Amino acid sequence: MNNKLKNSIPISKKNVQQKGGVVILSLKEYKKLSERAIPTYYLFGGEAEKADKMVEECLEEYREGKTKKIKSLADLD
């Protein structure tokens, strides 16, 4: 088999046209883009302290077994 064909990835022209294009990225570049897509918020002062306290309380409840696993938000009481 031709080495070029052996190392190729077939992409359907029909699918490209239907979906509006195709992007091929390295995994490293994809991870960078994914990380930048999620906004980062920094809290200061009282707001940061309230958030830290809430996280600590939630972690404590988790460690004590007071939390439950759900499959969707519809499972909440």
PDB file of N, CA and C in Angstrom:
ATOM      1  N   MET A   1       0.845  -1.176   0.000  1.00  0.00           N
ATOM      2  CA  MET A   1       0.000   0.000   0.000  1.00  0.00           C
ATOM      3  C   MET A   1       0.892   1.242   0.000  1.00  0.00           C
ATOM      4  N   ASN A   2       0.470   2.257  -0.701  1.00  0.00           N
ATOM      5  CA  ASN A   2       1.195   3.513  -0.783  1.00  0.00           C
ATOM      6  C   ASN A   2       1.288   4.141   0.612  1.00  0.00           C
ATOM      7  N   ASN A   3       2.484   4.610   0.982  1.00  0.00           N
ATOM      8  CA  ASN A   3       2.704   5.169   2.309  1.00  0.00           C
ATOM      9  C   ASN A   3       1.831   6.397   2.575  1.00  0.00           C
ATOM     10  N   LYS A   4       1.586   7.214   1.539  1.00  0.00           N
ATOM     11  CA  LYS A   4       0.737   8.391   1.700  1.00  0.00           C
ATOM     12  C   LYS A   4      -0.683   7.982   2.077  1.00  0.00           C
ATOM     13  N   LEU A   5      -1.215   6.965   1.423  1.00  0.00           N
ATOM     14  CA  LEU A   5      -2.568   6.512   1.729  1.00  0.00           C
ATOM     15  C   LEU A   5      -2.629   5.849   3.104  1.00  0.00           C
ATOM     16  N   LYS A   6      -1.581   5.161   3.470  1.00  0.00           N
ATOM     17  CA  LYS A   6      -1.536   4.466   4.751  1.00  0.00           C
ATOM     18  C   LYS A   6      -1.600   5.462   5.914  1.00  0.00           C
ATOM     19  N   ASN A   7      -1.020   6.621   5.750  1.00  0.00           N
ATOM     20  CA  ASN A   7      -0.973   7.622   6.815  1.00  0.00           C
ATOM     21  C   ASN A   7      -2.008   8.735   6.638  1.00  0.00           C
ATOM     22  N   SER A   8      -2.997   8.535   5.791  1.00  0.00           N
ATOM     23  CA  SER A   8      -3.986   9.580   5.548  1.00  0.00           C
ATOM     24  C   SER A   8      -5.255   9.336   6.370  1.00  0.00           C
ATOM     25  N   ILE A   9      -6.023  10.391   6.517  1.00  0.00           N
ATOM     26  CA  ILE A   9      -7.307  10.318   7.213  1.00  0.00           C
ATOM     27  C   ILE A   9      -8.370  10.747   6.207  1.00  0.00           C
ATOM     28  N   PRO A  10      -9.247   9.840   5.810  1.00  0.00           N
ATOM     29  CA  PRO A  10     -10.277  10.216   4.835  1.00  0.00           C
ATOM     30  C   PRO A  10     -11.320  11.136   5.462  1.00  0.00           C
ATOM     31  N   ILE A  11     -11.645  12.222   4.751  1.00  0.00           N
ATOM     32  CA  ILE A  11     -12.658  13.169   5.201  1.00  0.00           C
ATOM     33  C   ILE A  11     -13.654  13.339   4.071  1.00  0.00           C
ATOM     34  N   SER A  12     -14.899  13.053   4.366  1.00  0.00           N
ATOM     35  CA  SER A  12     -15.958  13.131   3.368  1.00  0.00           C
ATOM     36  C   SER A  12     -16.228  14.581   2.978  1.00  0.00           C
ATOM     37  N   LYS A  13     -16.181  14.876   1.688  1.00  0.00           N
ATOM     38  CA  LYS A  13     -16.464  16.222   1.199  1.00  0.00           C
ATOM     39  C   LYS A  13     -17.903  16.609   1.547  1.00  0.00           C
ATOM     40  N   LYS A  14     -18.804  15.643   1.494  1.00  0.00           N
ATOM     41  CA  LYS A  14     -20.209  15.880   1.817  1.00  0.00           C
ATOM     42  C   LYS A  14     -20.347  16.324   3.277  1.00  0.00           C
ATOM     43  N   ASN A  15     -19.664  15.616   4.189  1.00  0.00           N
ATOM     44  CA  ASN A  15     -19.721  15.985   5.606  1.00  0.00           C
ATOM     45  C   ASN A  15     -19.129  17.362   5.850  1.00  0.00           C
ATOM     46  N   VAL A  16     -18.040  17.675   5.188  1.00  0.00           N
ATOM     47  CA  VAL A  16     -17.405  18.984   5.338  1.00  0.00           C
ATOM     48  C   VAL A  16     -18.372  20.074   4.902  1.00  0.00           C
ATOM     49  N   GLN A  17     -19.049  19.871   3.793  1.00  0.00           N
ATOM     50  CA  GLN A  17     -19.991  20.864   3.292  1.00  0.00           C
ATOM     51  C   GLN A  17     -21.212  20.982   4.202  1.00  0.00           C
ATOM     52  N   GLN A  18     -21.714  19.859   4.694  1.00  0.00           N
ATOM     53  CA  GLN A  18     -22.895  19.881   5.559  1.00  0.00           C
ATOM     54  C   GLN A  18     -22.598  20.538   6.906  1.00  0.00           C
ATOM     55  N   LYS A  19     -21.425  20.299   7.440  1.00  0.00           N
ATOM     56  CA  LYS A  19     -21.094  20.790   8.777  1.00  0.00           C
ATOM     57  C   LYS A  19     -20.336  22.107   8.760  1.00  0.00           C
ATOM     58  N   GLY A  20     -20.047  22.615   7.586  1.00  0.00           N
ATOM     59  CA  GLY A  20     -19.417  23.922   7.487  1.00  0.00           C
ATOM     60  C   GLY A  20     -17.909  23.926   7.632  1.00  0.00           C
ATOM     61  N   GLY A  21     -17.260  22.788   7.525  1.00  0.00           N
ATOM     62  CA  GLY A  21     -15.810  22.743   7.583  1.00  0.00           C
ATOM     63  C   GLY A  21     -15.295  21.759   8.608  1.00  0.00           C
ATOM     64  N   VAL A  22     -13.995  21.607   8.626  1.00  0.00           N
ATOM     65  CA  VAL A  22     -13.316  20.695   9.538  1.00  0.00           C
ATOM     66  C   VAL A  22     -12.058  21.386  10.040  1.00  0.00           C
ATOM     67  N   VAL A  23     -11.748  21.179  11.306  1.00  0.00           N
ATOM     68  CA  VAL A  23     -10.536  21.733  11.894  1.00  0.00           C
ATOM     69  C   VAL A  23      -9.708  20.576  12.426  1.00  0.00           C
ATOM     70  N   ILE A  24      -8.430  20.571  12.107  1.00  0.00           N
ATOM     71  CA  ILE A  24      -7.529  19.542  12.617  1.00  0.00           C
ATOM     72  C   ILE A  24      -6.462  20.235  13.449  1.00  0.00           C
ATOM     73  N   LEU A  25      -6.411  19.871  14.724  1.00  0.00           N
ATOM     74  CA  LEU A  25      -5.456  20.464  15.658  1.00  0.00           C
ATOM     75  C   LEU A  25      -4.703  19.368  16.390  1.00  0.00           C
ATOM     76  N   SER A  26      -3.532  19.711  16.858  1.00  0.00           N
ATOM     77  CA  SER A  26      -2.834  18.782  17.741  1.00  0.00           C
ATOM     78  C   SER A  26      -3.584  18.760  19.065  1.00  0.00           C
ATOM     79  N   LEU A  27      -3.432  17.695  19.820  1.00  0.00           N
ATOM     80  CA  LEU A  27      -4.093  17.584  21.113  1.00  0.00           C
ATOM     81  C   LEU A  27      -3.656  18.715  22.037  1.00  0.00           C
ATOM     82  N   LYS A  28      -2.395  19.078  21.981  1.00  0.00           N
ATOM     83  CA  LYS A  28      -1.857  20.155  22.813  1.00  0.00           C
ATOM     84  C   LYS A  28      -2.555  21.484  22.504  1.00  0.00           C
ATOM     85  N   GLU A  29      -2.706  21.794  21.230  1.00  0.00           N
ATOM     86  CA  GLU A  29      -3.356  23.034  20.824  1.00  0.00           C
ATOM     87  C   GLU A  29      -4.844  23.011  21.191  1.00  0.00           C
ATOM     88  N   TYR A  30      -5.495  21.854  21.034  1.00  0.00           N
ATOM     89  CA  TYR A  30      -6.909  21.714  21.398  1.00  0.00           C
ATOM     90  C   TYR A  30      -7.095  21.983  22.891  1.00  0.00           C
ATOM     91  N   LYS A  31      -6.208  21.435  23.723  1.00  0.00           N
ATOM     92  CA  LYS A  31      -6.305  21.647  25.171  1.00  0.00           C
ATOM     93  C   LYS A  31      -6.139  23.121  25.517  1.00  0.00           C
ATOM     94  N   LYS A  32      -5.206  23.800  24.852  1.00  0.00           N
ATOM     95  CA  LYS A  32      -5.003  25.228  25.093  1.00  0.00           C
ATOM     96  C   LYS A  32      -6.275  26.014  24.764  1.00  0.00           C
ATOM     97  N   LEU A  33      -6.876  25.711  23.624  1.00  0.00           N
ATOM     98  CA  LEU A  33      -8.105  26.400  23.218  1.00  0.00           C
ATOM     99  C   LEU A  33      -9.243  26.105  24.181  1.00  0.00           C
ATOM    100  N   SER A  34      -9.356  24.869  24.625  1.00  0.00           N
ATOM    101  CA  SER A  34     -10.413  24.485  25.566  1.00  0.00           C
ATOM    102  C   SER A  34     -10.266  25.230  26.886  1.00  0.00           C
ATOM    103  N   GLU A  35      -9.049  25.333  27.375  1.00  0.00           N
ATOM    104  CA  GLU A  35      -8.808  26.029  28.638  1.00  0.00           C
ATOM    105  C   GLU A  35      -9.159  27.516  28.536  1.00  0.00           C
ATOM    106  N   ARG A  36      -8.896  28.111  27.394  1.00  0.00           N
ATOM    107  CA  ARG A  36      -9.191  29.527  27.217  1.00  0.00           C
ATOM    108  C   ARG A  36     -10.683  29.780  27.005  1.00  0.00           C
ATOM    109  N   ALA A  37     -11.451  28.755  26.644  1.00  0.00           N
ATOM    110  CA  ALA A  37     -12.875  28.917  26.385  1.00  0.00           C
ATOM    111  C   ALA A  37     -13.671  29.077  27.678  1.00  0.00           C
ATOM    112  N   ILE A  38     -13.107  28.639  28.808  1.00  0.00           N
ATOM    113  CA  ILE A  38     -13.777  28.729  30.092  1.00  0.00           C
ATOM    114  C   ILE A  38     -13.282  29.980  30.805  1.00  0.00           C
ATOM    115  N   PRO A  39     -14.189  30.893  31.142  1.00  0.00           N
ATOM    116  CA  PRO A  39     -13.735  32.126  31.789  1.00  0.00           C
ATOM    117  C   PRO A  39     -13.165  31.862  33.177  1.00  0.00           C
ATOM    118  N   THR A  40     -12.198  32.667  33.551  1.00  0.00           N
ATOM    119  CA  THR A  40     -11.580  32.585  34.875  1.00  0.00           C
ATOM    120  C   THR A  40     -11.957  33.841  35.647  1.00  0.00           C
ATOM    121  N   TYR A  41     -12.471  33.643  36.850  1.00  0.00           N
ATOM    122  CA  TYR A  41     -12.849  34.766  37.691  1.00  0.00           C
ATOM    123  C   TYR A  41     -11.980  34.779  38.938  1.00  0.00           C
ATOM    124  N   TYR A  42     -11.533  35.940  39.325  1.00  0.00           N
ATOM    125  CA  TYR A  42     -10.741  36.103  40.533  1.00  0.00           C
ATOM    126  C   TYR A  42     -11.537  36.948  41.508  1.00  0.00           C
ATOM    127  N   LEU A  43     -11.705  36.427  42.718  1.00  0.00           N
ATOM    128  CA  LEU A  43     -12.423  37.157  43.747  1.00  0.00           C
ATOM    129  C   LEU A  43     -11.432  37.712  44.760  1.00  0.00           C
ATOM    130  N   PHE A  44     -11.793  38.835  45.369  1.00  0.00           N
ATOM    131  CA  PHE A  44     -10.927  39.474  46.348  1.00  0.00           C
ATOM    132  C   PHE A  44     -11.743  39.857  47.567  1.00  0.00           C
ATOM    133  N   GLY A  45     -11.083  39.983  48.681  1.00  0.00           N
ATOM    134  CA  GLY A  45     -11.714  40.474  49.904  1.00  0.00           C
ATOM    135  C   GLY A  45     -12.809  39.566  50.414  1.00  0.00           C
ATOM    136  N   GLY A  46     -13.922  40.202  50.809  1.00  0.00           N
ATOM    137  CA  GLY A  46     -15.034  39.482  51.416  1.00  0.00           C
ATOM    138  C   GLY A  46     -15.639  38.428  50.506  1.00  0.00           C
ATOM    139  N   GLU A  47     -15.741  38.733  49.218  1.00  0.00           N
ATOM    140  CA  GLU A  47     -16.310  37.768  48.273  1.00  0.00           C
ATOM    141  C   GLU A  47     -15.452  36.506  48.195  1.00  0.00           C
ATOM    142  N   ALA A  48     -14.142  36.684  48.204  1.00  0.00           N
ATOM    143  CA  ALA A  48     -13.230  35.536  48.155  1.00  0.00           C
ATOM    144  C   ALA A  48     -13.354  34.710  49.427  1.00  0.00           C
ATOM    145  N   GLU A  49     -13.463  35.379  50.554  1.00  0.00           N
ATOM    146  CA  GLU A  49     -13.600  34.672  51.828  1.00  0.00           C
ATOM    147  C   GLU A  49     -14.901  33.881  51.884  1.00  0.00           C
ATOM    148  N   LYS A  50     -15.998  34.477  51.392  1.00  0.00           N
ATOM    149  CA  LYS A  50     -17.285  33.769  51.370  1.00  0.00           C
ATOM    150  C   LYS A  50     -17.208  32.536  50.473  1.00  0.00           C
ATOM    151  N   ALA A  51     -16.579  32.687  49.321  1.00  0.00           N
ATOM    152  CA  ALA A  51     -16.448  31.559  48.400  1.00  0.00           C
ATOM    153  C   ALA A  51     -15.583  30.455  49.011  1.00  0.00           C
ATOM    154  N   ASP A  52     -14.483  30.835  49.647  1.00  0.00           N
ATOM    155  CA  ASP A  52     -13.612  29.848  50.294  1.00  0.00           C
ATOM    156  C   ASP A  52     -14.358  29.093  51.385  1.00  0.00           C
ATOM    157  N   LYS A  53     -15.147  29.820  52.177  1.00  0.00           N
ATOM    158  CA  LYS A  53     -15.912  29.198  53.257  1.00  0.00           C
ATOM    159  C   LYS A  53     -16.945  28.222  52.694  1.00  0.00           C
ATOM    160  N   MET A  54     -17.634  28.633  51.620  1.00  0.00           N
ATOM    161  CA  MET A  54     -18.643  27.776  51.004  1.00  0.00           C
ATOM    162  C   MET A  54     -18.000  26.494  50.468  1.00  0.00           C
ATOM    163  N   VAL A  55     -16.864  26.617  49.812  1.00  0.00           N
ATOM    164  CA  VAL A  55     -16.164  25.438  49.279  1.00  0.00           C
ATOM    165  C   VAL A  55     -15.748  24.519  50.418  1.00  0.00           C
ATOM    166  N   GLU A  56     -15.219  25.077  51.490  1.00  0.00           N
ATOM    167  CA  GLU A  56     -14.794  24.254  52.623  1.00  0.00           C
ATOM    168  C   GLU A  56     -15.976  23.530  53.254  1.00  0.00           C
ATOM    169  N   GLU A  57     -17.116  24.214  53.389  1.00  0.00           N
ATOM    170  CA  GLU A  57     -18.319  23.576  53.941  1.00  0.00           C
ATOM    171  C   GLU A  57     -18.797  22.436  53.039  1.00  0.00           C
ATOM    172  N   CYS A  58     -18.757  22.662  51.748  1.00  0.00           N
ATOM    173  CA  CYS A  58     -19.187  21.625  50.798  1.00  0.00           C
ATOM    174  C   CYS A  58     -18.251  20.416  50.843  1.00  0.00           C
ATOM    175  N   LEU A  59     -16.960  20.661  50.921  1.00  0.00           N
ATOM    176  CA  LEU A  59     -16.004  19.562  51.008  1.00  0.00           C
ATOM    177  C   LEU A  59     -16.189  18.770  52.302  1.00  0.00           C
ATOM    178  N   GLU A  60     -16.496  19.481  53.374  1.00  0.00           N
ATOM    179  CA  GLU A  60     -16.731  18.809  54.657  1.00  0.00           C
ATOM    180  C   GLU A  60     -17.974  17.911  54.566  1.00  0.00           C
ATOM    181  N   GLU A  61     -19.042  18.421  53.951  1.00  0.00           N
ATOM    182  CA  GLU A  61     -20.251  17.613  53.763  1.00  0.00           C
ATOM    183  C   GLU A  61     -19.953  16.388  52.898  1.00  0.00           C
ATOM    184  N   TYR A  62     -19.120  16.566  51.893  1.00  0.00           N
ATOM    185  CA  TYR A  62     -18.741  15.449  51.030  1.00  0.00           C
ATOM    186  C   TYR A  62     -17.986  14.387  51.832  1.00  0.00           C
ATOM    187  N   ARG A  63     -17.011  14.822  52.614  1.00  0.00           N
ATOM    188  CA  ARG A  63     -16.223  13.883  53.428  1.00  0.00           C
ATOM    189  C   ARG A  63     -17.083  13.146  54.444  1.00  0.00           C
ATOM    190  N   GLU A  64     -18.124  13.819  54.944  1.00  0.00           N
ATOM    191  CA  GLU A  64     -19.015  13.214  55.941  1.00  0.00           C
ATOM    192  C   GLU A  64     -20.089  12.330  55.303  1.00  0.00           C
ATOM    193  N   GLY A  65     -20.102  12.251  53.978  1.00  0.00           N
ATOM    194  CA  GLY A  65     -21.079  11.404  53.288  1.00  0.00           C
ATOM    195  C   GLY A  65     -22.465  12.019  53.192  1.00  0.00           C
ATOM    196  N   LYS A  66     -22.558  13.321  53.315  1.00  0.00           N
ATOM    197  CA  LYS A  66     -23.858  13.996  53.268  1.00  0.00           C
ATOM    198  C   LYS A  66     -24.283  14.373  51.852  1.00  0.00           C
ATOM    199  N   THR A  67     -23.482  14.016  50.883  1.00  0.00           N
ATOM    200  CA  THR A  67     -23.812  14.336  49.492  1.00  0.00           C
ATOM    201  C   THR A  67     -24.298  13.084  48.792  1.00  0.00           C
ATOM    202  N   LYS A  68     -24.949  13.270  47.634  1.00  0.00           N
ATOM    203  CA  LYS A  68     -25.387  12.120  46.866  1.00  0.00           C
ATOM    204  C   LYS A  68     -25.052  12.330  45.398  1.00  0.00           C
ATOM    205  N   LYS A  69     -24.853  11.228  44.703  1.00  0.00           N
ATOM    206  CA  LYS A  69     -24.526  11.268  43.287  1.00  0.00           C
ATOM    207  C   LYS A  69     -25.816  11.313  42.483  1.00  0.00           C
ATOM    208  N   ILE A  70     -25.872  12.206  41.502  1.00  0.00           N
ATOM    209  CA  ILE A  70     -27.040  12.300  40.642  1.00  0.00           C
ATOM    210  C   ILE A  70     -26.627  12.167  39.191  1.00  0.00           C
ATOM    211  N   LYS A  71     -27.555  11.733  38.357  1.00  0.00           N
ATOM    212  CA  LYS A  71     -27.268  11.595  36.934  1.00  0.00           C
ATOM    213  C   LYS A  71     -27.669  12.835  36.163  1.00  0.00           C
ATOM    214  N   SER A  72     -28.644  13.588  36.696  1.00  0.00           N
ATOM    215  CA  SER A  72     -29.064  14.825  36.047  1.00  0.00           C
ATOM    216  C   SER A  72     -29.668  15.752  37.093  1.00  0.00           C
ATOM    217  N   LEU A  73     -29.881  16.983  36.731  1.00  0.00           N
ATOM    218  CA  LEU A  73     -30.481  17.940  37.667  1.00  0.00           C
ATOM    219  C   LEU A  73     -31.914  17.560  38.026  1.00  0.00           C
ATOM    220  N   ALA A  74     -32.557  16.782  37.185  1.00  0.00           N
ATOM    221  CA  ALA A  74     -33.923  16.313  37.474  1.00  0.00           C
ATOM    222  C   ALA A  74     -33.952  15.398  38.699  1.00  0.00           C
ATOM    223  N   ASP A  75     -32.800  14.818  39.073  1.00  0.00           N
ATOM    224  CA  ASP A  75     -32.717  13.929  40.231  1.00  0.00           C
ATOM    225  C   ASP A  75     -32.696  14.684  41.561  1.00  0.00           C
ATOM    226  N   LEU A  76     -32.566  16.009  41.510  1.00  0.00           N
ATOM    227  CA  LEU A  76     -32.536  16.784  42.753  1.00  0.00           C
ATOM    228  C   LEU A  76     -33.921  16.844  43.379  1.00  0.00           C
ATOM    229  N   ASP A  77     -33.948  16.837  44.694  1.00  0.00           N
ATOM    230  CA  ASP A  77     -35.236  16.913  45.419  1.00  0.00           C
ATOM    231  C   ASP A  77     -35.722  18.325  45.487  1.00  0.00           C
TER     232      ASP A  77
END
